C-alpha atoms as a PDB file:
ATOM      1  CA  UNK A   1      -7.577   1.026  18.251  1.00  0.00           C
ATOM      2  CA  UNK A   2      -6.966   3.576  15.443  1.00  0.00           C
ATOM      3  CA  UNK A   3      -5.330   2.282  12.328  1.00  0.00           C
ATOM      4  CA  UNK A   4      -3.486   4.459   9.720  1.00  0.00           C
ATOM      5  CA  UNK A   5      -4.142   3.038   6.324  1.00  0.00           C
ATOM      6  CA  UNK A   6      -2.202   4.202   3.222  1.00  0.00           C
ATOM      7  CA  UNK A   7       0.748   3.607   1.017  1.00  0.00           C
ATOM      8  CA  UNK A   8       3.847   2.330   2.803  1.00  0.00           C
ATOM      9  CA  UNK A   9       5.994   5.271   1.661  1.00  0.00           C
ATOM     10  CA  UNK A  10       3.509   7.850   2.927  1.00  0.00           C
ATOM     11  CA  UNK A  11       3.052   6.187   6.432  1.00  0.00           C
ATOM     12  CA  UNK A  12       6.810   5.693   6.614  1.00  0.00           C
ATOM     13  CA  UNK A  13       6.900   1.908   6.806  1.00  0.00           C
ATOM     14  CA  UNK A  14      10.004   0.547   5.311  1.00  0.00           C
ATOM     15  CA  UNK A  15      10.147  -2.641   3.268  1.00  0.00           C
ATOM     16  CA  UNK A  16      12.093  -4.290   6.146  1.00  0.00           C
ATOM     17  CA  UNK A  17       9.092  -4.004   8.255  1.00  0.00           C
ATOM     18  CA  UNK A  18       6.604  -5.169   5.555  1.00  0.00           C
ATOM     19  CA  UNK A  19       8.818  -8.340   4.870  1.00  0.00           C
ATOM     20  CA  UNK A  20       8.981  -9.017   8.730  1.00  0.00           C
ATOM     21  CA  UNK A  21       5.217  -8.713   8.690  1.00  0.00           C
ATOM     22  CA  UNK A  22       4.951 -11.347   5.924  1.00  0.00           C
ATOM     23  CA  UNK A  23       7.431 -13.620   7.729  1.00  0.00           C
ATOM     24  CA  UNK A  24       5.671 -13.425  11.028  1.00  0.00           C
ATOM     25  CA  UNK A  25       2.247 -13.997   9.546  1.00  0.00           C
ATOM     26  CA  UNK A  26       2.588 -16.256   6.492  1.00  0.00           C
ATOM     27  CA  UNK A  27       2.280 -20.002   7.440  1.00  0.00           C
ATOM     28  CA  UNK A  28       5.183 -21.037   5.152  1.00  0.00           C
ATOM     29  CA  UNK A  29       8.308 -19.449   3.675  1.00  0.00           C
ATOM     30  CA  UNK A  30       7.571 -17.283   0.738  1.00  0.00           C
ATOM     31  CA  UNK A  31       9.665 -14.941  -1.362  1.00  0.00           C
ATOM     32  CA  UNK A  32       8.134 -11.853   0.130  1.00  0.00           C
ATOM     33  CA  UNK A  33       9.757 -12.354   3.466  1.00  0.00           C
ATOM     34  CA  UNK A  34      13.085 -11.563   1.716  1.00  0.00           C
ATOM     35  CA  UNK A  35      13.613  -7.869   1.788  1.00  0.00           C
ATOM     36  CA  UNK A  36      15.538  -7.798  -1.661  1.00  0.00           C
ATOM     37  CA  UNK A  37      12.715  -9.686  -3.306  1.00  0.00           C
ATOM     38  CA  UNK A  38      10.080  -7.372  -1.706  1.00  0.00           C
ATOM     39  CA  UNK A  39      11.886  -4.300  -3.058  1.00  0.00           C
ATOM     40  CA  UNK A  40      12.250  -5.789  -6.507  1.00  0.00           C
ATOM     41  CA  UNK A  41       8.528  -6.813  -6.659  1.00  0.00           C
ATOM     42  CA  UNK A  42       7.197  -3.410  -5.252  1.00  0.00           C
ATOM     43  CA  UNK A  43       9.716  -0.591  -5.356  1.00  0.00           C
ATOM     44  CA  UNK A  44      11.500  -1.094  -8.794  1.00  0.00           C
ATOM     45  CA  UNK A  45       8.402  -0.240 -10.866  1.00  0.00           C
ATOM     46  CA  UNK A  46       8.816   2.155 -13.738  1.00  0.00           C
ATOM     47  CA  UNK A  47       5.463   3.885 -12.662  1.00  0.00           C
ATOM     48  CA  UNK A  48       6.796   4.816  -9.238  1.00  0.00           C
ATOM     49  CA  UNK A  49      10.490   4.049  -8.929  1.00  0.00           C
ATOM     50  CA  UNK A  50      11.628   3.804  -5.313  1.00  0.00           C
ATOM     51  CA  UNK A  51       8.208   4.318  -3.790  1.00  0.00           C
ATOM     52  CA  UNK A  52       6.382   1.456  -1.879  1.00  0.00           C
ATOM     53  CA  UNK A  53       2.789   1.898  -2.920  1.00  0.00           C
ATOM     54  CA  UNK A  54       1.552  -1.288  -1.040  1.00  0.00           C
ATOM     55  CA  UNK A  55      -1.336  -0.378   1.271  1.00  0.00           C
ATOM     56  CA  UNK A  56      -0.419  -0.797   4.803  1.00  0.00           C
ATOM     57  CA  UNK A  57      -2.654  -0.863   8.021  1.00  0.00           C
ATOM     58  CA  UNK A  58      -0.543   0.430  10.678  1.00  0.00           C
ATOM     59  CA  UNK A  59      -1.348   0.568  14.473  1.00  0.00           C
ATOM     60  CA  UNK A  60       0.661   3.596  15.723  1.00  0.00           C
ATOM     61  CA  UNK A  61      -0.289   2.924  19.429  1.00  0.00           C
ATOM     62  CA  UNK A  62       1.370  -0.454  19.244  1.00  0.00           C
ATOM     63  CA  UNK A  63       3.984   0.389  16.504  1.00  0.00           C
ATOM     64  CA  UNK A  64       2.879  -2.699  14.538  1.00  0.00           C
ATOM     65  CA  UNK A  65       1.900  -3.472  10.940  1.00  0.00           C
ATOM     66  CA  UNK A  66      -1.557  -4.918  11.086  1.00  0.00           C
ATOM     67  CA  UNK A  67      -2.077  -5.658   7.441  1.00  0.00           C
ATOM     68  CA  UNK A  68      -0.708  -5.302   3.904  1.00  0.00           C
ATOM     69  CA  UNK A  69      -2.130  -5.342   0.458  1.00  0.00           C
ATOM     70  CA  UNK A  70       0.521  -5.524  -2.179  1.00  0.00           C
ATOM     71  CA  UNK A  71      -0.143  -3.001  -4.926  1.00  0.00           C
ATOM     72  CA  UNK A  72       1.672  -2.525  -8.252  1.00  0.00           C
ATOM     73  CA  UNK A  73       0.546   0.574 -10.178  1.00  0.00           C
ATOM     74  CA  UNK A  74       0.246  -0.136 -13.915  1.00  0.00           C
ATOM     75  CA  UNK A  75      -1.721   0.772 -16.975  1.00  0.00           C
ATOM     76  CA  UNK A  76      -4.479  -1.449 -18.398  1.00  0.00           C
ATOM     77  CA  UNK A  77      -6.353  -1.357 -21.585  1.00  0.00           C
ATOM     78  CA  UNK A  78     -10.195  -1.096 -21.680  1.00  0.00           C
ATOM     79  CA  UNK A  79     -11.661  -1.270 -25.221  1.00  0.00           C
ATOM     80  CA  UNK A  80      -8.322  -0.174 -26.661  1.00  0.00           C
ATOM     81  CA  UNK A  81      -7.940   2.761 -24.379  1.00  0.00           C
ATOM     82  CA  UNK A  82      -5.120   2.920 -21.844  1.00  0.00           C
ATOM     83  CA  UNK A  83      -6.404   3.590 -18.407  1.00  0.00           C
ATOM     84  CA  UNK A  84      -4.473   3.907 -15.049  1.00  0.00           C
ATOM     85  CA  UNK A  85      -4.836   0.859 -12.764  1.00  0.00           C
ATOM     86  CA  UNK A  86      -3.230  -1.145 -10.135  1.00  0.00           C
ATOM     87  CA  UNK A  87      -2.539  -4.966  -9.710  1.00  0.00           C
ATOM     88  CA  UNK A  88      -3.516  -6.017  -6.231  1.00  0.00           C
ATOM     89  CA  UNK A  89      -1.588  -8.987  -4.725  1.00  0.00           C
ATOM     90  CA  UNK A  90      -0.839 -10.642  -1.411  1.00  0.00           C
ATOM     91  CA  UNK A  91      -3.636  -9.322   0.927  1.00  0.00           C
ATOM     92  CA  UNK A  92      -2.901 -10.275   4.416  1.00  0.00           C
ATOM     93  CA  UNK A  93      -3.888  -9.240   7.976  1.00  0.00           C
ATOM     94  CA  UNK A  94      -2.466 -10.175  11.279  1.00  0.00           C
ATOM     95  CA  UNK A  95      -4.712 -12.695  13.234  1.00  0.00           C
ATOM     96  CA  UNK A  96      -4.835 -10.359  16.173  1.00  0.00           C
END
């Protein structure tokens, strides 16, 4: 198996597929299975408006999302200096 790993917008995986991945792999109902919430959480950021930067593991041979790591790019402050960073959220891989 060869996985493509990278930002959803670069791999070409839409938020509908990521929300469906969460719906199919999370044991309980969570907000991320709703595409509108997912878009608000990850695509409406001022740092990258409209770009889904969540990291996707995608199996092109089977045309399936194998894993997702939620990512929100944002600045952090280290010793009073603004640095580029990211908040990592909702890591999940498919059982298979």
